Amino acid sequence: MVPARGAIAAVVVSLTILMGCADSTDDEHTASPTTTTALPPNQVAGVDLPHDAVDDAVDELDDLVASLMDDTHIPGMAVAVVHGGKTVYAKGFGVRQEGAPDKVDTDTVFQLASVSKSVAATVVASQVGAGRVDWTTPVVEHLPGFALADPATTAELTVGDLLAHRSGLPDHAGDRLEDIGYDQAAILDKLRLEPLAPFRITYEYTNFGFTAGAEAVAAAAGTDWAQLSADAVYGPLGMTSTSSRFADFQARPNRAVGHVNIDGEWVARSVRDPDAQSPAGGVSSSIEDMARWLTMLLADGAPIAPADALLPAITPQVISAPATAPTARAGNYGYGFNASTSPAGRTTYSHSGAFALGAATNFLVIPSADVAIVALTNAAPIGVPEALTAEFADLVQFGEIREDWRTLYHDVIAPLGDPEGDLAGQPAPANPAPAQPLPSYTGTYANEYWGPATITETPQGLTLSIGPAGQTYPLTHWDGDTFAFVPTGENAPTGSRSSVVFTGDTVTIDFFDADGLGTFTEGG
């Protein structure tokens, strides 16, 4: 299973594998074998589009969405399709919040989660086009205090490296710092403590690495990221319901509330505030606005960015999912986009978004068919928007749905909601060894990356406090010097449980130890 801390990465990789990715072509505009216009071989699609392909696929959408919602019982969904320079389909389905009467419509604002990365990449492309930065601009040129563990990597690291997830940072580095209350500045500073994989040849999906690259661009523009996004993309495109600030989402009266599945029921339980990683996951938008954005993409960036500034973002920059067999297509990632080739031989680009606390989104562009689709939902990820866009893509390219995309995507994505921690799902020992007297465990344990962890004795037992806000978790005795606690937050789905192991003057917390950084030293 893919750990929850890699949830978005799993969505990205599943898309590139299941949709059948390969190295993309030099140009997005492909032609069928029967087209008389002379094109380079790498722009020729392997299968002709059916007659009236897009119109016929759009005609199927009402039934496809209805059946998906019947199958999964998700509360709400909104879908839009762009073709021929205009929106040809836009509808809302279901409700904004389970148990409430307000319906989803085309103006309902959803949290986009990691679809924000693709939106952010178009903001960066606008600045590339304006000459303020380039994809190859060193990050330290505009964020001089930013550093990774290796000074040579820090010096060479570019905006593009971070937006392509090829910096060498570990998968989802920094995400759990956000869960315990650290702000963006503190998290970006702590990335220097993360172990690094080989630079530019390793793909590891990293929200805060991506955020650092985008923040360097905002610094070059002399403004903050949310304002740059509004000035460069949202305003010019008329995306009046779109923002990169969580407060704006919260202020929208027509907004979709996130839901998680608890014992088979969709429940609005928590709210995800993604401001710390706004470029990577903080956009909120409606399908009306997203249709405007997709129209811009199909127009090769106009009027936001020149085509040559956008092209690097939507074409391969790193292998994201290496082929596992001679017959397999590899998955590729551009700058904030999956860059793929479909089984029909047509280049596509796409992205998914997922919040464990209640959002699942996806868009897919088939430029040679001049069509794009976006699907937004207010439910934790189980593969619904991905299945819909894959079914639509089959209809456009083949005139029929050729795979059971619903099962394929459910099987890949639903496990993202599985509990985290080494004790999740484990029965407590039947005959545990006794603990030492509780005062022997109390104290403050230091850790450069996570900050201090304080163990306190209360009348109810031990507690763990950690993070800038002093989040406190009760500890339950497990066995000997091992205790257990239930973590919370975006990276701790329902049922998560982690060990807290005391050894001499140290304590190791499994939930915080994915990159070997989870040992705290008393008095250190």
Protein backbone atom coordinates (compact mmCIF):
# COMPACT_ATOMS: atom_id res chain seq x y z
CA MET A 1 0.00 0.00 0.00
CA VAL A 2 1.07 3.60 -0.60
CA PRO A 3 1.45 5.55 2.65
CA ALA A 4 -1.01 8.35 3.24
CA ARG A 5 1.85 10.86 3.29
CA GLY A 6 2.31 9.95 -0.39
CA ALA A 7 -1.37 10.22 -1.22
CA ILE A 8 -1.10 12.79 -3.96
CA ALA A 9 1.91 11.03 -5.43
CA ALA A 10 -0.10 7.83 -5.66
CA VAL A 11 -2.86 9.63 -7.52
CA VAL A 12 -0.36 11.08 -9.98
CA VAL A 13 1.39 7.77 -10.59
CA SER A 14 -1.89 5.89 -10.92
CA LEU A 15 -3.02 8.31 -13.60
CA THR A 16 0.16 7.95 -15.61
CA ILE A 17 0.16 4.16 -15.38
CA LEU A 18 -3.54 3.45 -15.91
CA MET A 19 -4.03 5.94 -18.73
CA GLY A 20 -1.06 4.42 -20.52
CA CYS A 21 1.67 7.05 -20.52
CA ALA A 22 4.80 7.26 -22.63
CA ASP A 23 7.24 9.93 -23.73
CA SER A 24 5.24 12.80 -25.13
CA THR A 25 5.71 14.33 -28.56
CA ASP A 26 7.31 17.64 -29.38
CA ASP A 27 3.95 19.23 -30.19
CA GLU A 28 0.55 18.60 -28.68
CA HIS A 29 -1.37 18.84 -31.96
CA THR A 30 -1.63 15.40 -33.52
CA ALA A 31 -3.40 14.12 -36.58
CA SER A 32 -5.05 10.86 -37.52
CA PRO A 33 -3.35 8.57 -40.08
CA THR A 34 -5.87 9.63 -42.72
CA THR A 35 -5.21 13.36 -42.33
CA THR A 36 -3.75 14.82 -45.51
CA THR A 37 -1.80 17.59 -43.75
CA ALA A 38 1.87 16.64 -43.65
CA LEU A 39 2.97 16.30 -40.03
CA PRO A 40 6.09 14.91 -38.38
CA PRO A 41 5.65 11.26 -37.39
CA ASN A 42 5.58 12.08 -33.69
CA GLN A 43 2.48 14.22 -34.19
CA VAL A 44 0.43 11.48 -35.83
CA ALA A 45 -2.14 9.65 -33.68
CA GLY A 46 -2.49 5.92 -33.99
CA VAL A 47 -6.30 5.83 -34.07
CA ASP A 48 -8.72 8.14 -35.86
CA LEU A 49 -11.28 9.96 -33.76
CA PRO A 50 -14.83 8.66 -34.22
CA HIS A 51 -17.25 10.90 -36.09
CA ASP A 52 -18.72 13.54 -33.74
CA ALA A 53 -16.45 12.13 -31.04
CA VAL A 54 -16.67 14.98 -28.55
CA ASP A 55 -20.37 15.68 -29.01
CA ASP A 56 -21.25 12.03 -28.54
CA ALA A 57 -19.03 11.75 -25.45
CA VAL A 58 -20.63 14.85 -23.92
CA ASP A 59 -24.07 13.33 -24.51
CA GLU A 60 -23.07 10.43 -22.24
CA LEU A 61 -21.93 12.54 -19.30
CA ASP A 62 -25.24 12.96 -17.47
CA ASP A 63 -25.69 9.19 -17.25
CA LEU A 64 -22.04 8.55 -16.36
CA VAL A 65 -22.09 11.03 -13.49
CA ALA A 66 -25.44 9.78 -12.22
CA SER A 67 -24.26 6.18 -12.15
CA LEU A 68 -20.97 7.10 -10.44
CA MET A 69 -22.83 8.99 -7.74
CA ASP A 70 -25.30 6.14 -7.32
CA ASP A 71 -22.44 3.67 -6.98
CA THR A 72 -20.39 5.69 -4.50
CA HIS A 73 -22.99 7.93 -2.79
CA ILE A 74 -20.54 10.86 -2.75
CA PRO A 75 -22.37 14.04 -1.73
CA GLY A 76 -21.55 16.38 -4.60
CA MET A 77 -19.80 16.74 -7.94
CA ALA A 78 -19.39 19.32 -10.70
CA VAL A 79 -18.20 18.67 -14.25
CA ALA A 80 -17.27 20.88 -17.21
CA VAL A 81 -16.04 20.19 -20.76
CA VAL A 82 -14.33 22.66 -23.07
CA HIS A 83 -14.23 22.18 -26.86
CA GLY A 84 -13.85 24.52 -29.80
CA GLY A 85 -12.87 27.45 -27.60
CA LYS A 86 -15.99 27.36 -25.46
CA THR A 87 -17.65 25.51 -22.60
CA VAL A 88 -19.91 22.83 -24.10
CA TYR A 89 -20.93 21.18 -20.83
CA ALA A 90 -21.13 22.45 -17.25
CA LYS A 91 -23.33 20.94 -14.55
CA GLY A 92 -23.49 20.42 -10.81
CA PHE A 93 -24.77 17.28 -9.13
CA GLY A 94 -25.73 16.43 -5.57
CA VAL A 95 -25.33 18.67 -2.55
CA ARG A 96 -22.66 20.91 -1.08
CA GLN A 97 -22.99 19.25 2.34
CA GLU A 98 -24.52 15.93 3.27
CA GLY A 99 -27.83 16.38 5.05
CA ALA A 100 -28.26 19.98 3.88
CA PRO A 101 -30.51 21.08 1.00
CA ASP A 102 -28.11 23.37 -0.92
CA LYS A 103 -27.38 21.92 -4.35
CA VAL A 104 -24.07 21.94 -6.20
CA ASP A 105 -24.23 24.19 -9.25
CA THR A 106 -21.74 25.49 -11.79
CA ASP A 107 -20.69 28.33 -9.47
CA THR A 108 -20.10 26.14 -6.39
CA VAL A 109 -16.52 26.55 -5.21
CA PHE A 110 -14.50 23.42 -4.46
CA GLN A 111 -11.03 22.99 -3.02
CA LEU A 112 -8.83 21.79 -5.89
CA ALA A 113 -6.13 20.11 -3.77
CA SER A 114 -3.21 19.19 -6.05
CA VAL A 115 -4.90 20.33 -9.24
CA SER A 116 -3.58 23.60 -7.78
CA LYS A 117 -0.13 22.56 -9.06
CA SER A 118 -1.23 22.74 -12.68
CA VAL A 119 -2.92 26.08 -12.06
CA ALA A 120 0.27 27.29 -10.36
CA ALA A 121 2.37 26.17 -13.31
CA THR A 122 0.36 28.45 -15.59
CA VAL A 123 1.05 31.33 -13.18
CA VAL A 124 4.76 30.56 -13.48
CA ALA A 125 4.45 30.29 -17.28
CA SER A 126 2.97 33.78 -17.30
CA GLN A 127 6.05 35.07 -15.49
CA VAL A 128 8.35 33.17 -17.84
CA GLY A 129 6.55 34.82 -20.74
CA ALA A 130 6.91 38.22 -19.07
CA GLY A 131 10.66 37.66 -18.70
CA ARG A 132 10.73 37.87 -14.90
CA VAL A 133 11.99 34.30 -14.48
CA ASP A 134 12.71 31.22 -16.50
CA TRP A 135 12.07 27.55 -15.74
CA THR A 136 15.87 27.32 -15.31
CA THR A 137 16.15 30.26 -12.89
CA PRO A 138 18.02 29.21 -9.71
CA VAL A 139 15.71 29.31 -6.69
CA VAL A 140 18.34 30.98 -4.48
CA GLU A 141 18.44 33.89 -6.90
CA HIS A 142 15.08 35.01 -5.44
CA LEU A 143 14.96 33.02 -2.17
CA PRO A 144 18.56 33.48 -0.96
CA GLY A 145 17.84 31.87 2.41
CA PHE A 146 16.47 28.64 0.95
CA ALA A 147 18.71 25.58 1.24
CA LEU A 148 18.69 21.81 0.95
CA ALA A 149 21.05 19.42 2.72
CA ASP A 150 23.61 19.48 -0.11
CA PRO A 151 25.15 22.90 -0.88
CA ALA A 152 25.88 21.92 -4.49
CA THR A 153 22.25 20.96 -5.04
CA THR A 154 21.10 24.19 -3.41
CA ALA A 155 23.24 26.24 -5.79
CA GLU A 156 21.99 24.42 -8.90
CA LEU A 157 18.34 23.97 -7.92
CA THR A 158 15.95 25.68 -10.35
CA VAL A 159 12.29 26.65 -10.34
CA GLY A 160 11.69 23.84 -12.84
CA ASP A 161 13.48 21.25 -10.68
CA LEU A 162 11.07 21.91 -7.82
CA LEU A 163 7.94 22.03 -9.99
CA ALA A 164 8.98 18.71 -11.58
CA HIS A 165 9.62 17.04 -8.18
CA ARG A 166 13.20 16.17 -9.13
CA SER A 167 15.03 18.02 -6.34
CA GLY A 168 15.90 14.85 -4.43
CA LEU A 169 13.64 15.75 -1.48
CA PRO A 170 11.76 12.75 -0.04
CA ASP A 171 8.17 12.00 -0.97
CA HIS A 172 5.85 14.60 0.60
CA ALA A 173 8.67 16.16 2.61
CA GLY A 174 7.34 18.62 5.17
CA ASP A 175 3.66 17.65 5.00
CA ARG A 176 3.51 16.39 8.58
CA LEU A 177 5.18 19.55 9.82
CA GLU A 178 2.13 21.34 8.46
CA ASP A 179 -0.14 18.88 10.31
CA ILE A 180 1.38 19.87 13.66
CA GLY A 181 1.10 23.59 13.05
CA TYR A 182 4.25 24.87 11.36
CA ASP A 183 3.76 27.70 8.89
CA GLN A 184 5.17 27.90 5.38
CA ALA A 185 8.34 29.81 6.27
CA ALA A 186 9.28 27.36 9.03
CA ILE A 187 8.60 24.31 6.84
CA LEU A 188 10.63 25.62 3.90
CA ASP A 189 13.50 26.32 6.27
CA LYS A 190 13.37 22.80 7.72
CA LEU A 191 13.64 21.19 4.27
CA ARG A 192 17.42 21.65 4.63
CA LEU A 193 17.31 18.84 7.22
CA GLU A 194 15.71 16.30 4.88
CA PRO A 195 17.86 13.51 3.40
CA LEU A 196 18.26 13.82 -0.36
CA ALA A 197 18.08 11.30 -3.18
CA PRO A 198 20.14 11.86 -6.36
CA PHE A 199 19.44 15.26 -7.89
CA ARG A 200 17.44 15.52 -11.14
CA ILE A 201 17.21 11.77 -11.71
CA THR A 202 14.88 10.99 -8.80
CA TYR A 203 11.16 11.76 -8.87
CA GLU A 204 9.55 12.19 -5.46
CA TYR A 205 6.27 14.11 -5.22
CA THR A 206 6.81 16.95 -2.76
CA ASN A 207 4.25 19.65 -1.96
CA PHE A 208 6.62 21.95 -0.11
CA GLY A 209 9.38 21.59 -2.67
CA PHE A 210 6.86 22.67 -5.30
CA THR A 211 5.78 25.51 -3.02
CA ALA A 212 9.37 26.75 -2.66
CA GLY A 213 9.73 26.95 -6.44
CA ALA A 214 6.52 28.92 -6.79
CA GLU A 215 7.42 31.24 -3.93
CA ALA A 216 10.69 32.07 -5.67
CA VAL A 217 8.64 33.21 -8.67
CA ALA A 218 6.39 35.34 -6.44
CA ALA A 219 9.50 36.91 -4.92
CA ALA A 220 10.80 37.72 -8.40
CA ALA A 221 7.47 39.41 -9.14
CA GLY A 222 7.65 41.40 -5.91
CA THR A 223 4.38 40.17 -4.43
CA ASP A 224 2.89 37.24 -2.52
CA TRP A 225 1.81 34.07 -4.30
CA ALA A 226 -1.94 34.50 -3.91
CA GLN A 227 -1.83 38.04 -5.28
CA LEU A 228 0.44 37.05 -8.16
CA SER A 229 -1.98 34.26 -9.09
CA ALA A 230 -4.91 36.67 -9.03
CA ASP A 231 -3.07 39.31 -11.06
CA ALA A 232 -1.49 36.99 -13.61
CA VAL A 233 -4.21 34.36 -14.21
CA TYR A 234 -7.46 34.64 -12.27
CA GLY A 235 -8.17 38.28 -13.07
CA PRO A 236 -7.26 38.23 -16.78
CA LEU A 237 -9.31 35.05 -17.36
CA GLY A 238 -12.34 36.32 -15.43
CA MET A 239 -12.02 33.58 -12.80
CA THR A 240 -13.96 35.60 -10.24
CA SER A 241 -14.65 32.65 -7.91
CA THR A 242 -11.04 31.44 -7.78
CA SER A 243 -8.49 32.16 -5.06
CA SER A 244 -5.26 30.87 -3.60
CA ARG A 245 -6.27 31.99 -0.10
CA PHE A 246 -8.15 29.70 2.27
CA ALA A 247 -9.97 32.64 3.85
CA ASP A 248 -11.54 33.45 0.48
CA PHE A 249 -12.80 29.89 0.15
CA GLN A 250 -14.25 30.02 3.66
CA ALA A 251 -16.01 33.29 2.85
CA ARG A 252 -17.80 31.93 -0.24
CA PRO A 253 -21.46 31.28 0.57
CA ASN A 254 -21.67 28.82 -2.34
CA ARG A 255 -18.89 26.39 -1.36
CA ALA A 256 -18.63 22.62 -1.20
CA VAL A 257 -17.78 21.16 2.21
CA GLY A 258 -15.31 18.26 2.36
CA HIS A 259 -16.50 14.81 3.46
CA VAL A 260 -14.82 11.64 4.73
CA ASN A 261 -16.28 8.16 4.72
CA ILE A 262 -16.94 6.81 8.21
CA ASP A 263 -18.50 3.35 8.44
CA GLY A 264 -20.01 3.69 4.97
CA GLU A 265 -21.44 7.18 5.47
CA TRP A 266 -20.10 10.44 4.04
CA VAL A 267 -19.56 12.87 6.93
CA ALA A 268 -18.51 16.53 6.91
CA ARG A 269 -16.08 16.34 9.82
CA SER A 270 -12.98 18.47 9.24
CA VAL A 271 -11.89 21.43 7.14
CA ARG A 272 -8.55 21.44 5.33
CA ASP A 273 -6.63 24.74 5.52
CA PRO A 274 -3.88 24.41 2.87
CA ASP A 275 -2.47 27.95 3.02
CA ALA A 276 1.00 26.78 4.04
CA GLN A 277 1.34 24.97 0.71
CA SER A 278 -0.91 27.28 -1.30
CA PRO A 279 0.85 26.92 -4.69
CA ALA A 280 0.80 23.13 -4.36
CA GLY A 281 -2.68 22.64 -2.94
CA GLY A 282 -4.40 25.86 -1.94
CA VAL A 283 -6.55 26.87 -4.92
CA SER A 284 -10.34 26.89 -4.69
CA SER A 285 -12.48 27.34 -7.79
CA SER A 286 -15.73 26.57 -9.57
CA ILE A 287 -16.15 24.59 -12.77
CA GLU A 288 -17.21 27.78 -14.55
CA ASP A 289 -13.82 29.25 -13.70
CA MET A 290 -11.94 26.03 -14.38
CA ALA A 291 -13.52 25.92 -17.84
CA ARG A 292 -12.03 29.35 -18.52
CA TRP A 293 -8.65 28.04 -17.42
CA LEU A 294 -8.94 24.93 -19.61
CA THR A 295 -9.90 27.11 -22.58
CA MET A 296 -6.63 28.99 -22.06
CA LEU A 297 -4.69 25.71 -22.01
CA LEU A 298 -6.25 24.56 -25.27
CA ALA A 299 -5.33 27.93 -26.76
CA ASP A 300 -1.66 27.17 -25.96
CA GLY A 301 -1.56 29.67 -23.11
CA ALA A 302 -3.22 32.66 -24.74
CA PRO A 303 -3.77 35.25 -23.36
CA ILE A 304 -1.85 34.32 -20.18
CA ALA A 305 1.50 33.16 -21.55
CA PRO A 306 3.23 32.58 -24.89
CA ALA A 307 3.00 29.02 -26.15
CA ASP A 308 6.75 28.48 -25.77
CA ALA A 309 6.57 29.52 -22.10
CA LEU A 310 3.76 27.04 -21.36
CA LEU A 311 5.05 24.12 -23.45
CA PRO A 312 7.72 22.95 -20.98
CA ALA A 313 5.08 22.63 -18.26
CA ILE A 314 2.80 20.30 -20.23
CA THR A 315 5.53 18.10 -21.74
CA PRO A 316 7.81 15.55 -20.01
CA GLN A 317 10.61 16.80 -17.77
CA VAL A 318 11.14 13.70 -15.58
CA ILE A 319 10.10 10.04 -15.56
CA SER A 320 7.57 9.77 -12.73
CA ALA A 321 6.73 6.06 -13.07
CA PRO A 322 9.44 3.96 -14.75
CA ALA A 323 8.23 1.14 -16.96
CA THR A 324 8.14 -2.21 -15.17
CA ALA A 325 8.06 -4.37 -18.32
CA PRO A 326 9.20 -4.07 -21.96
CA THR A 327 5.57 -3.68 -23.00
CA ALA A 328 4.78 -0.98 -20.43
CA ARG A 329 4.59 2.75 -20.99
CA ALA A 330 6.47 4.92 -18.52
CA GLY A 331 4.80 7.79 -16.71
CA ASN A 332 6.12 11.32 -17.13
CA TYR A 333 5.72 14.62 -15.31
CA GLY A 334 6.22 18.12 -16.65
CA TYR A 335 6.14 21.22 -14.49
CA GLY A 336 2.96 20.74 -12.45
CA PHE A 337 1.31 18.46 -15.05
CA ASN A 338 1.27 14.76 -15.85
CA ALA A 339 2.46 14.55 -19.46
CA SER A 340 1.28 11.36 -21.10
CA THR A 341 0.45 9.46 -24.27
CA SER A 342 -2.87 7.65 -24.48
CA PRO A 343 -3.40 4.14 -25.88
CA ALA A 344 -4.73 5.87 -29.02
CA GLY A 345 -1.36 7.53 -29.53
CA ARG A 346 -2.54 11.00 -28.51
CA THR A 347 -0.65 13.24 -26.13
CA THR A 348 -2.58 14.20 -23.01
CA TYR A 349 -1.89 16.20 -19.92
CA SER A 350 -3.69 16.05 -16.61
CA HIS A 351 -3.52 16.13 -12.84
CA SER A 352 -5.44 14.81 -9.85
CA GLY A 353 -6.00 16.40 -6.49
CA ALA A 354 -6.82 14.68 -3.22
CA PHE A 355 -7.37 15.76 0.35
CA ALA A 356 -7.87 12.93 2.81
CA LEU A 357 -10.07 15.39 4.72
CA GLY A 358 -12.51 15.57 1.85
CA ALA A 359 -11.67 16.58 -1.73
CA ALA A 360 -11.00 14.68 -4.95
CA THR A 361 -10.47 16.41 -8.29
CA ASN A 362 -9.15 15.71 -11.76
CA PHE A 363 -8.79 17.29 -15.16
CA LEU A 364 -7.68 15.80 -18.46
CA VAL A 365 -6.74 17.53 -21.72
CA ILE A 366 -6.56 15.83 -25.14
CA PRO A 367 -5.19 18.66 -27.27
CA SER A 368 -5.35 16.83 -30.62
CA ALA A 369 -9.11 16.43 -30.08
CA ASP A 370 -9.34 20.05 -28.86
CA VAL A 371 -11.12 18.91 -25.72
CA ALA A 372 -10.64 19.06 -21.95
CA ILE A 373 -12.72 17.86 -19.01
CA VAL A 374 -12.62 18.73 -15.31
CA ALA A 375 -14.40 16.96 -12.43
CA LEU A 376 -14.53 18.31 -8.87
CA THR A 377 -15.95 16.46 -5.85
CA ASN A 378 -16.41 17.15 -2.13
CA ALA A 379 -15.51 13.63 -0.96
CA ALA A 380 -12.26 12.01 0.10
CA PRO A 381 -10.48 10.26 -2.79
CA ILE A 382 -11.84 6.93 -4.01
CA GLY A 383 -11.20 7.38 -7.74
CA VAL A 384 -14.47 9.03 -8.83
CA PRO A 385 -13.20 12.03 -10.84
CA GLU A 386 -10.41 9.95 -12.40
CA ALA A 387 -12.87 7.26 -13.50
CA LEU A 388 -15.16 9.84 -15.07
CA THR A 389 -12.44 11.60 -17.06
CA ALA A 390 -11.01 8.23 -18.18
CA GLU A 391 -14.42 7.08 -19.38
CA PHE A 392 -14.88 10.37 -21.22
CA ALA A 393 -11.44 10.01 -22.82
CA ASP A 394 -12.32 6.50 -24.05
CA LEU A 395 -15.55 7.79 -25.59
CA VAL A 396 -13.74 10.62 -27.34
CA GLN A 397 -10.92 8.47 -28.71
CA PHE A 398 -12.66 5.14 -29.36
CA GLY A 399 -16.39 5.81 -29.28
CA GLU A 400 -16.81 3.36 -26.40
CA ILE A 401 -15.61 2.79 -22.84
CA ARG A 402 -12.98 0.10 -23.19
CA GLU A 403 -11.87 -0.50 -19.59
CA ASP A 404 -13.50 -0.86 -16.20
CA TRP A 405 -11.98 2.43 -15.06
CA ARG A 406 -14.16 2.56 -11.96
CA THR A 407 -12.70 -0.60 -10.49
CA LEU A 408 -9.17 0.20 -11.63
CA TYR A 409 -9.14 3.65 -10.08
CA HIS A 410 -10.96 2.60 -6.94
CA ASP A 411 -8.44 -0.16 -6.34
CA VAL A 412 -5.50 2.25 -6.79
CA ILE A 413 -6.85 5.32 -5.02
CA ALA A 414 -9.17 4.11 -2.26
CA PRO A 415 -6.26 2.72 -0.19
CA LEU A 416 -5.01 6.29 0.18
CA GLY A 417 -7.56 6.53 2.98
CA ASP A 418 -6.09 3.57 4.85
CA PRO A 419 -4.91 4.28 8.41
CA GLU A 420 -1.31 5.36 9.03
CA GLY A 421 1.19 4.30 11.68
CA ASP A 422 2.86 1.04 12.64
CA LEU A 423 0.13 0.13 15.17
CA ALA A 424 -2.85 0.88 12.91
CA GLY A 425 -5.14 -2.13 12.84
CA GLN A 426 -2.94 -4.04 15.26
CA PRO A 427 -4.56 -5.72 18.29
CA ALA A 428 -3.14 -4.66 21.64
CA PRO A 429 -0.89 -7.30 23.24
CA ALA A 430 -2.87 -9.79 25.32
CA ASN A 431 -0.23 -9.87 28.05
CA PRO A 432 1.79 -6.66 27.76
CA ALA A 433 4.94 -6.15 29.78
CA PRO A 434 4.40 -3.50 32.45
CA ALA A 435 5.54 0.05 31.96
CA GLN A 436 8.01 1.78 34.26
CA PRO A 437 6.63 4.36 36.69
CA LEU A 438 5.12 7.07 34.49
CA PRO A 439 7.30 9.90 35.88
CA SER A 440 10.34 8.15 34.42
CA TYR A 441 9.06 8.96 30.93
CA THR A 442 8.12 12.60 31.43
CA GLY A 443 10.20 15.50 30.19
CA THR A 444 10.99 17.50 27.07
CA TYR A 445 12.69 15.67 24.21
CA ALA A 446 14.46 17.73 21.54
CA ASN A 447 14.45 17.23 17.79
CA GLU A 448 15.86 19.76 15.32
CA TYR A 449 13.34 18.92 12.60
CA TRP A 450 10.08 18.48 14.53
CA GLY A 451 10.88 20.73 17.48
CA PRO A 452 10.44 19.64 21.11
CA ALA A 453 8.11 16.82 22.15
CA THR A 454 6.89 17.11 25.71
CA ILE A 455 5.72 14.08 27.66
CA THR A 456 3.51 14.99 30.63
CA GLU A 457 1.82 12.91 33.30
CA THR A 458 -1.85 13.72 33.92
CA PRO A 459 -4.45 11.99 36.12
CA GLN A 460 -5.51 10.07 33.00
CA GLY A 461 -1.98 8.99 32.06
CA LEU A 462 0.77 10.31 29.78
CA THR A 463 0.27 12.87 27.03
CA LEU A 464 2.43 13.91 24.07
CA SER A 465 2.54 17.61 23.10
CA ILE A 466 4.26 18.66 19.87
CA GLY A 467 4.31 21.46 17.33
CA PRO A 468 4.02 25.26 17.53
CA ALA A 469 0.42 25.10 18.70
CA GLY A 470 1.25 22.52 21.38
CA GLN A 471 -1.07 19.86 19.96
CA THR A 472 -1.63 17.28 22.66
CA TYR A 473 -2.34 13.57 22.24
CA PRO A 474 -3.15 11.07 25.00
CA LEU A 475 -0.74 8.13 25.17
CA THR A 476 -2.05 4.63 25.82
CA HIS A 477 0.25 1.98 27.23
CA TRP A 478 0.95 -0.73 24.66
CA ASP A 479 3.77 -2.99 25.83
CA GLY A 480 6.75 -2.36 28.10
CA ASP A 481 8.25 1.00 27.15
CA THR A 482 6.01 1.34 24.10
CA PHE A 483 2.95 3.57 24.12
CA ALA A 484 0.45 4.37 21.38
CA PHE A 485 -1.24 7.55 20.19
CA VAL A 486 -3.76 8.52 17.51
CA PRO A 487 -2.38 11.21 15.16
CA THR A 488 -4.70 13.66 13.44
CA GLY A 489 -4.62 15.82 10.32
CA GLU A 490 -4.51 15.50 6.55
CA ASN A 491 -1.87 12.77 6.70
CA ALA A 492 -3.60 10.67 9.38
CA PRO A 493 -6.78 9.05 8.04
CA THR A 494 -9.36 7.66 10.45
CA GLY A 495 -7.98 4.64 12.32
CA SER A 496 -4.34 5.79 12.30
CA ARG A 497 -2.25 4.77 15.31
CA SER A 498 1.49 5.12 15.96
CA SER A 499 3.97 3.78 18.47
CA VAL A 500 5.92 5.97 20.87
CA VAL A 501 8.96 3.99 22.04
CA PHE A 502 11.08 5.10 24.99
CA THR A 503 14.71 3.92 25.03
CA GLY A 504 16.95 5.41 27.71
CA ASP A 505 16.97 9.16 27.17
CA THR A 506 15.35 9.01 23.73
CA VAL A 507 11.86 8.53 22.35
CA THR A 508 11.11 7.45 18.77
CA ILE A 509 7.72 8.27 17.27
CA ASP A 510 6.93 6.10 14.26
CA PHE A 511 4.46 8.56 12.70
CA PHE A 512 7.25 11.13 12.46
CA ASP A 513 10.02 8.73 11.45
CA ALA A 514 9.38 8.08 7.74
CA ASP A 515 12.66 9.77 6.74
CA GLY A 516 14.60 8.72 9.83
CA LEU A 517 13.94 12.01 11.60
CA GLY A 518 11.62 10.73 14.32
CA THR A 519 13.95 10.24 17.30
CA PHE A 520 13.82 12.84 20.08
CA THR A 521 16.50 13.20 22.79
CA GLU A 522 15.74 14.25 26.35
CA GLY A 523 17.49 17.48 27.27
CA GLY A 524 19.13 17.58 23.84
